[in-house]
């Protein structure tokens, strides 16, 4: 049914319309966020708001033992992970997410104090959420053409290759594949700074410390539609052989094992057994690994073609979809972290900080690098 050019053209235009609709939706959302950012900036830019001369009120400010800083922040976070020959990059949609923030700071320890500026260090405890919904994927336009000559010539395989060629476009792009990562991080750094008094003028600084990271979710460690091409290029294209190939692909990532998810490991090891793919689909739905939003339409289409070829039910089809995604569970203590920042006082009551940094660590065979840009407005409370 997919062999004719007219059906392929109609499907291509359908996918194109869906992509344009999502693109326009993101553009309108980002324009709205940009207007809010510009309006906020105009409200905060009056002369003398950020840079004030010290006065008697500042000189008479009481010393404190701990500074607790509740506030609101706009943060954009990205995650890069690599290991066992696989890698993936995840990020956020739009310009970032808005959330509450809570930092803690120790008193300053001053190494050098000049007439206007000083150099010192303080301990800063920073925390932030992790909410990633998009991935950077690679599309190899040449692999589809070269691979089609070596395929067995099945109609499903030929159609999928033609579809991937039409949709390839750039070699890399950011898309919603239905994967997501949620969690939080906390780290403490000795922040070395240069600037004036914290309530009178700006400060710039940086630091390296340690922290904890906790996150879980799903990630696509393969090229777009890659596992299905691997399965359909085998000499023996039976259902059992296809399932063995897809399960082996998952186990090769190193993200699945008895220590991380023993139930999933057992299912993958016996995926070609009767009823196991259906159980795997039910388990994936219960875990939330299958998301039918965004650019996962092409993946759903590929799974539906195999489902039609092998006469699979709905749960087995969901199991095929879940086979494209690897589950990630990270609970890392003692991760290294770095932070660079610029800090400005506002009306001797609030502070505005722009910071860049995050934790990086090695966990169960994978290197993780979590970095983010954070714009925070907060009101320090000294105790």
Protein backbone atom coordinates (compact mmCIF):
# COMPACT_ATOMS: atom_id res chain seq x y z
CA UNK A 1 0.00 0.00 0.00
CA UNK A 2 2.98 2.32 0.44
CA UNK A 3 4.69 1.36 -2.80
CA UNK A 4 2.99 3.98 -5.02
CA UNK A 5 4.47 7.41 -5.35
CA UNK A 6 1.11 9.13 -4.73
CA UNK A 7 0.73 7.60 -1.26
CA UNK A 8 4.30 8.55 -0.39
CA UNK A 9 3.70 12.12 -1.56
CA UNK A 10 0.52 12.43 0.49
CA UNK A 11 2.33 11.11 3.55
CA UNK A 12 5.21 13.53 2.99
CA UNK A 13 2.85 16.51 2.78
CA UNK A 14 1.02 15.33 5.91
CA UNK A 15 4.30 15.17 7.82
CA UNK A 16 5.34 18.56 6.42
CA UNK A 17 2.08 20.19 7.57
CA UNK A 18 2.47 18.67 11.04
CA UNK A 19 6.04 19.95 11.31
CA UNK A 20 5.04 23.46 10.15
CA UNK A 21 2.22 23.58 12.70
CA UNK A 22 4.63 22.67 15.52
CA UNK A 23 7.21 25.19 14.24
CA UNK A 24 4.72 28.07 14.20
CA UNK A 25 3.51 27.14 17.67
CA UNK A 26 7.09 27.29 19.04
CA UNK A 27 7.74 30.60 17.25
CA UNK A 28 4.69 32.24 18.82
CA UNK A 29 5.61 30.88 22.25
CA UNK A 30 9.20 32.14 21.98
CA UNK A 31 8.04 35.58 20.81
CA UNK A 32 5.87 35.84 23.91
CA UNK A 33 8.78 34.90 26.16
CA UNK A 34 11.00 37.42 24.40
CA UNK A 35 8.51 40.24 24.97
CA UNK A 36 8.37 39.38 28.66
CA UNK A 37 12.19 39.41 28.89
CA UNK A 38 12.45 42.79 27.10
CA UNK A 39 9.75 44.33 29.30
CA UNK A 40 11.47 43.08 32.45
CA UNK A 41 14.79 44.46 31.25
CA UNK A 42 13.31 47.89 30.59
CA UNK A 43 11.87 47.98 34.09
CA UNK A 44 15.26 47.17 35.61
CA UNK A 45 17.42 49.56 33.61
CA UNK A 46 16.89 53.03 35.16
CA UNK A 47 20.12 54.94 35.81
CA UNK A 48 21.86 54.17 39.08
CA UNK A 49 19.83 51.03 39.79
CA UNK A 50 22.72 48.55 39.51
CA UNK A 51 25.68 50.64 40.60
CA UNK A 52 25.37 52.63 43.80
CA UNK A 53 27.92 54.36 45.95
CA UNK A 54 28.44 53.04 49.46
CA UNK A 55 26.63 55.00 52.13
CA UNK A 56 26.11 54.89 55.85
CA UNK A 57 23.37 52.28 55.58
CA UNK A 58 25.74 49.89 53.81
CA UNK A 59 28.58 50.61 56.21
CA UNK A 60 26.34 49.91 59.18
CA UNK A 61 24.94 46.65 57.84
CA UNK A 62 25.23 43.91 60.46
CA UNK A 63 27.42 40.87 59.79
CA UNK A 64 25.64 37.60 59.08
CA UNK A 65 26.39 33.91 59.49
CA UNK A 66 24.31 32.60 56.56
CA UNK A 67 22.54 34.21 53.62
CA UNK A 68 19.46 32.39 52.28
CA UNK A 69 18.31 33.61 48.87
CA UNK A 70 14.81 32.63 47.68
CA UNK A 71 13.85 33.92 44.25
CA UNK A 72 12.77 33.13 40.70
CA UNK A 73 14.99 32.04 37.81
CA UNK A 74 14.88 31.39 34.09
CA UNK A 75 17.21 28.52 33.29
CA UNK A 76 18.17 26.67 30.12
CA UNK A 77 19.82 23.29 30.72
CA UNK A 78 21.40 20.74 28.39
CA UNK A 79 22.71 17.22 28.97
CA UNK A 80 25.41 15.41 27.02
CA UNK A 81 26.10 11.74 27.74
CA UNK A 82 28.45 9.28 26.06
CA UNK A 83 29.66 5.76 26.65
CA UNK A 84 29.91 2.27 25.15
CA UNK A 85 30.14 3.82 21.69
CA UNK A 86 26.82 5.68 22.09
CA UNK A 87 26.05 9.32 22.79
CA UNK A 88 23.05 11.61 23.13
CA UNK A 89 22.38 15.31 23.68
CA UNK A 90 19.20 16.52 25.35
CA UNK A 91 17.90 20.04 25.92
CA UNK A 92 14.87 22.19 26.60
CA UNK A 93 12.32 23.68 24.25
CA UNK A 94 12.28 27.44 23.72
CA UNK A 95 14.46 29.72 25.82
CA UNK A 96 14.14 27.76 29.06
CA UNK A 97 11.89 27.17 32.03
CA UNK A 98 10.81 29.50 34.81
CA UNK A 99 10.97 28.12 38.35
CA UNK A 100 11.58 29.06 41.97
CA UNK A 101 15.16 29.03 43.23
CA UNK A 102 16.81 28.76 46.63
CA UNK A 103 20.54 29.36 47.14
CA UNK A 104 22.66 29.66 50.28
CA UNK A 105 25.81 31.71 50.78
CA UNK A 106 28.40 32.05 53.52
CA UNK A 107 29.97 35.37 54.62
CA UNK A 108 32.79 36.74 52.46
CA UNK A 109 36.39 35.92 53.21
CA UNK A 110 38.37 38.85 51.75
CA UNK A 111 41.94 38.29 50.51
CA UNK A 112 42.48 41.85 49.31
CA UNK A 113 40.41 44.98 49.92
CA UNK A 114 41.06 48.11 47.86
CA UNK A 115 39.43 51.50 47.81
CA UNK A 116 36.64 50.41 45.46
CA UNK A 117 37.16 46.74 44.70
CA UNK A 118 38.09 43.60 46.57
CA UNK A 119 39.05 40.00 45.93
CA UNK A 120 37.75 37.17 48.08
CA UNK A 121 35.87 33.90 48.32
CA UNK A 122 32.65 32.57 49.82
CA UNK A 123 30.88 29.23 49.84
CA UNK A 124 27.85 29.07 47.54
CA UNK A 125 25.28 26.24 47.53
CA UNK A 126 23.27 26.22 44.31
CA UNK A 127 20.46 23.91 43.21
CA UNK A 128 18.29 23.61 40.14
CA UNK A 129 15.73 21.40 38.41
CA UNK A 130 16.28 19.15 35.41
CA UNK A 131 13.50 19.03 32.85
CA UNK A 132 14.64 18.05 29.35
CA UNK A 133 12.21 17.24 26.54
CA UNK A 134 14.16 17.52 23.27
CA UNK A 135 17.12 15.78 21.66
CA UNK A 136 19.71 16.64 19.06
CA UNK A 137 19.54 13.91 16.42
CA UNK A 138 21.74 13.09 13.44
CA UNK A 139 20.24 12.17 10.07
CA UNK A 140 22.65 10.60 7.57
CA UNK A 141 21.19 11.20 4.11
CA UNK A 142 23.81 9.02 2.45
CA UNK A 143 23.18 5.96 4.60
CA UNK A 144 19.64 5.59 3.34
CA UNK A 145 20.68 5.51 -0.32
CA UNK A 146 23.63 3.19 0.20
CA UNK A 147 21.71 0.94 2.53
CA UNK A 148 18.77 0.49 0.16
CA UNK A 149 20.92 -1.36 -2.36
CA UNK A 150 21.93 -3.91 0.30
CA UNK A 151 18.46 -4.46 1.72
CA UNK A 152 16.34 -7.46 0.95
CA UNK A 153 14.00 -5.32 -1.15
CA UNK A 154 10.94 -5.59 1.10
CA UNK A 155 8.23 -2.98 0.59
CA UNK A 156 8.31 -1.84 4.23
CA UNK A 157 12.08 -1.37 4.21
CA UNK A 158 12.04 0.47 0.87
CA UNK A 159 9.28 2.79 2.05
CA UNK A 160 11.02 3.60 5.33
CA UNK A 161 14.25 4.39 3.50
CA UNK A 162 12.47 6.66 1.05
CA UNK A 163 10.70 8.37 3.95
CA UNK A 164 13.95 8.96 5.82
CA UNK A 165 15.59 10.38 2.68
CA UNK A 166 12.72 12.84 2.13
CA UNK A 167 12.76 13.94 5.77
CA UNK A 168 16.52 14.11 6.22
CA UNK A 169 17.24 17.81 5.64
CA UNK A 170 20.23 18.95 7.77
CA UNK A 171 22.56 16.34 9.22
CA UNK A 172 21.67 17.42 12.78
CA UNK A 173 18.58 19.01 14.25
CA UNK A 174 16.74 19.35 17.55
CA UNK A 175 13.46 17.49 17.84
CA UNK A 176 10.92 16.13 20.29
CA UNK A 177 11.30 12.35 20.07
CA UNK A 178 9.01 11.64 22.99
CA UNK A 179 11.99 11.23 25.33
CA UNK A 180 12.37 13.23 28.54
CA UNK A 181 14.62 13.58 31.58
CA UNK A 182 13.50 14.88 34.99
CA UNK A 183 15.36 15.44 38.24
CA UNK A 184 17.39 17.97 40.16
CA UNK A 185 20.97 18.81 41.12
CA UNK A 186 22.65 20.51 44.07
CA UNK A 187 26.28 21.51 44.36
CA UNK A 188 28.52 23.59 46.62
CA UNK A 189 31.42 25.62 45.25
CA UNK A 190 33.97 27.98 46.83
CA UNK A 191 33.18 31.04 44.69
CA UNK A 192 36.22 33.24 44.10
CA UNK A 193 35.03 36.72 43.20
CA UNK A 194 36.31 40.13 42.15
CA UNK A 195 34.27 43.29 42.63
CA UNK A 196 33.00 45.67 45.24
CA UNK A 197 30.86 45.23 48.29
CA UNK A 198 28.01 42.81 47.54
CA UNK A 199 25.37 45.53 48.10
CA UNK A 200 27.01 48.39 46.19
CA UNK A 201 28.36 47.19 42.84
CA UNK A 202 28.90 44.21 40.56
CA UNK A 203 30.85 41.01 41.18
CA UNK A 204 32.28 38.45 38.78
CA UNK A 205 33.51 35.08 39.93
CA UNK A 206 33.95 31.39 39.39
CA UNK A 207 34.43 28.21 41.36
CA UNK A 208 34.80 24.43 41.23
CA UNK A 209 33.15 22.16 43.78
CA UNK A 210 31.14 18.97 44.33
CA UNK A 211 27.47 18.08 44.36
CA UNK A 212 24.73 15.50 43.91
CA UNK A 213 22.64 14.71 40.83
CA UNK A 214 19.43 12.73 40.69
CA UNK A 215 17.58 12.26 37.40
CA UNK A 216 15.61 9.64 35.51
CA UNK A 217 13.88 9.35 32.17
CA UNK A 218 14.31 8.02 28.65
CA UNK A 219 16.80 8.80 25.90
CA UNK A 220 17.17 7.75 22.27
CA UNK A 221 20.77 6.57 21.87
CA UNK A 222 20.43 5.71 18.17
CA UNK A 223 20.12 7.57 14.91
CA UNK A 224 16.59 8.47 13.88
CA UNK A 225 14.80 5.22 12.90
CA UNK A 226 18.18 3.48 13.15
CA UNK A 227 17.13 0.36 15.09
CA UNK A 228 14.38 -0.43 12.59
CA UNK A 229 16.80 -0.20 9.66
CA UNK A 230 19.22 -2.50 11.50
CA UNK A 231 16.47 -5.03 12.08
CA UNK A 232 15.12 -4.97 8.51
CA UNK A 233 18.57 -5.24 6.88
CA UNK A 234 19.16 -8.68 8.38
CA UNK A 235 19.24 -11.66 6.04
CA UNK A 236 16.50 -13.37 8.02
CA UNK A 237 13.70 -10.83 8.50
CA UNK A 238 11.46 -12.94 10.74
CA UNK A 239 9.68 -11.48 13.73
CA UNK A 240 11.89 -13.36 16.19
CA UNK A 241 15.10 -12.22 14.47
CA UNK A 242 13.88 -8.62 14.43
CA UNK A 243 13.09 -8.68 18.15
CA UNK A 244 16.44 -10.26 18.98
CA UNK A 245 18.21 -7.53 17.00
CA UNK A 246 16.28 -4.70 18.67
CA UNK A 247 16.77 -6.11 22.18
CA UNK A 248 20.49 -6.60 21.53
CA UNK A 249 20.69 -2.96 20.44
CA UNK A 250 19.27 -1.89 23.80
CA UNK A 251 21.54 -4.14 25.84
CA UNK A 252 24.59 -2.86 23.94
CA UNK A 253 24.03 0.68 25.23
CA UNK A 254 25.02 -0.40 28.74
CA UNK A 255 22.14 1.59 30.25
CA UNK A 256 20.12 -1.58 30.88
CA UNK A 257 21.33 -4.18 33.33
CA UNK A 258 20.41 -6.15 36.45
CA UNK A 259 21.65 -3.34 38.69
CA UNK A 260 19.57 -0.62 36.99
CA UNK A 261 16.35 -2.38 35.92
CA UNK A 262 16.28 -6.17 36.42
CA UNK A 263 12.71 -6.52 35.13
CA UNK A 264 13.51 -4.81 31.85
CA UNK A 265 16.74 -6.78 31.51
CA UNK A 266 14.88 -10.09 31.80
CA UNK A 267 12.27 -8.96 29.26
CA UNK A 268 14.91 -7.86 26.75
CA UNK A 269 16.85 -11.10 27.14
CA UNK A 270 13.72 -13.12 26.27
CA UNK A 271 11.92 -10.67 23.99
CA UNK A 272 11.50 -13.24 21.20
CA UNK A 273 9.48 -15.55 23.46
CA UNK A 274 5.66 -15.69 23.02
CA UNK A 275 3.84 -12.88 24.87
CA UNK A 276 7.02 -11.15 26.05
CA UNK A 277 6.77 -8.20 23.61
CA UNK A 278 3.22 -7.57 24.83
CA UNK A 279 4.41 -7.60 28.46
CA UNK A 280 7.23 -5.25 27.50
CA UNK A 281 4.71 -2.82 25.95
CA UNK A 282 2.59 -2.84 29.11
CA UNK A 283 5.69 -2.28 31.26
CA UNK A 284 6.78 0.63 29.04
CA UNK A 285 3.37 2.30 29.32
CA UNK A 286 3.39 1.90 33.10
CA UNK A 287 6.87 3.47 33.26
CA UNK A 288 5.89 6.36 30.96
CA UNK A 289 8.49 5.53 28.30
CA UNK A 290 6.06 5.98 25.41
CA UNK A 291 5.11 9.56 24.54
CA UNK A 292 2.97 10.09 21.45
CA UNK A 293 3.75 13.81 21.08
CA UNK A 294 6.12 15.71 18.84
CA UNK A 295 8.36 14.29 16.11
CA UNK A 296 7.88 10.74 17.36
CA UNK A 297 5.25 10.50 14.58
CA UNK A 298 7.84 8.98 12.22
CA UNK A 299 8.88 6.46 14.84
CA UNK A 300 5.25 5.52 15.40
CA UNK A 301 4.84 5.12 11.66
CA UNK A 302 7.84 2.78 11.47
CA UNK A 303 6.52 0.73 14.39
CA UNK A 304 3.05 0.53 12.82
CA UNK A 305 4.52 -0.79 9.55
CA UNK A 306 6.35 -3.57 11.40
CA UNK A 307 3.22 -4.20 13.47
CA UNK A 308 1.19 -4.68 10.29
CA UNK A 309 3.84 -6.94 8.77
CA UNK A 310 4.07 -9.16 11.87
CA UNK A 311 0.37 -8.87 12.91
CA UNK A 312 1.10 -7.29 16.30
CA UNK A 313 -1.53 -6.03 18.74
CA UNK A 314 -1.55 -2.56 20.32
CA UNK A 315 0.56 -3.44 23.37
CA UNK A 316 3.16 -5.13 21.19
CA UNK A 317 3.27 -2.02 18.99
CA UNK A 318 3.92 0.14 22.06
CA UNK A 319 6.67 -2.31 22.96
CA UNK A 320 8.30 -1.66 19.58
CA UNK A 321 8.14 2.07 20.22
CA UNK A 322 9.74 1.65 23.64
CA UNK A 323 12.61 -0.32 22.10
CA UNK A 324 13.85 2.92 20.52
CA UNK A 325 14.30 4.48 23.96
CA UNK A 326 16.71 3.57 26.71
CA UNK A 327 15.76 4.25 30.31
CA UNK A 328 18.22 6.28 32.40
CA UNK A 329 18.41 6.26 36.20
CA UNK A 330 21.17 8.38 37.77
CA UNK A 331 21.83 8.90 41.48
CA UNK A 332 25.30 10.37 41.67
CA UNK A 333 26.92 11.70 44.83
CA UNK A 334 30.19 13.61 44.81
CA UNK A 335 29.93 14.83 41.22
CA UNK A 336 32.36 17.56 40.18
CA UNK A 337 30.78 20.93 39.33
CA UNK A 338 31.85 24.34 38.06
CA UNK A 339 30.22 27.77 38.10
CA UNK A 340 30.90 31.16 36.47
CA UNK A 341 28.74 34.14 37.32
CA UNK A 342 28.11 37.89 37.23
CA UNK A 343 26.14 39.38 40.12
CA UNK A 344 24.49 42.79 40.46
CA UNK A 345 22.72 44.41 43.45
CA UNK A 346 19.34 46.05 42.85
CA UNK A 347 18.14 48.81 45.19
CA UNK A 348 20.11 47.26 48.09
CA UNK A 349 17.34 44.70 48.51
CA UNK A 350 17.49 42.31 45.56
CA UNK A 351 20.25 40.70 43.55
CA UNK A 352 20.37 39.67 39.90
CA UNK A 353 22.78 36.93 38.84
CA UNK A 354 23.68 35.46 35.47
CA UNK A 355 25.50 32.16 35.87
CA UNK A 356 26.76 29.31 33.71
CA UNK A 357 27.89 25.91 34.89
CA UNK A 358 26.79 22.56 36.20
CA UNK A 359 27.96 19.11 37.31
CA UNK A 360 29.98 16.64 35.25
CA UNK A 361 30.69 13.06 36.27
CA UNK A 362 31.17 9.41 35.31
CA UNK A 363 28.42 6.97 36.22
CA UNK A 364 28.01 3.27 35.27
CA UNK A 365 30.09 3.43 32.11
CA UNK A 366 28.85 6.81 30.87
CA UNK A 367 30.26 10.32 31.01
CA UNK A 368 27.63 12.95 31.83
CA UNK A 369 27.93 16.70 31.38
CA UNK A 370 25.02 18.80 32.63
CA UNK A 371 25.40 22.52 31.85
CA UNK A 372 22.99 25.39 32.11
CA UNK A 373 22.57 29.14 31.77
CA UNK A 374 20.64 30.66 34.67
CA UNK A 375 19.11 34.14 35.08
CA UNK A 376 18.03 34.57 38.69
CA UNK A 377 16.39 37.41 40.60
CA UNK A 378 16.36 36.81 44.35
CA UNK A 379 16.05 38.55 47.71
CA UNK A 380 18.77 37.52 50.20
CA UNK A 381 17.77 37.00 53.82
CA UNK A 382 20.66 37.29 56.29
CA UNK A 383 20.69 35.33 59.52
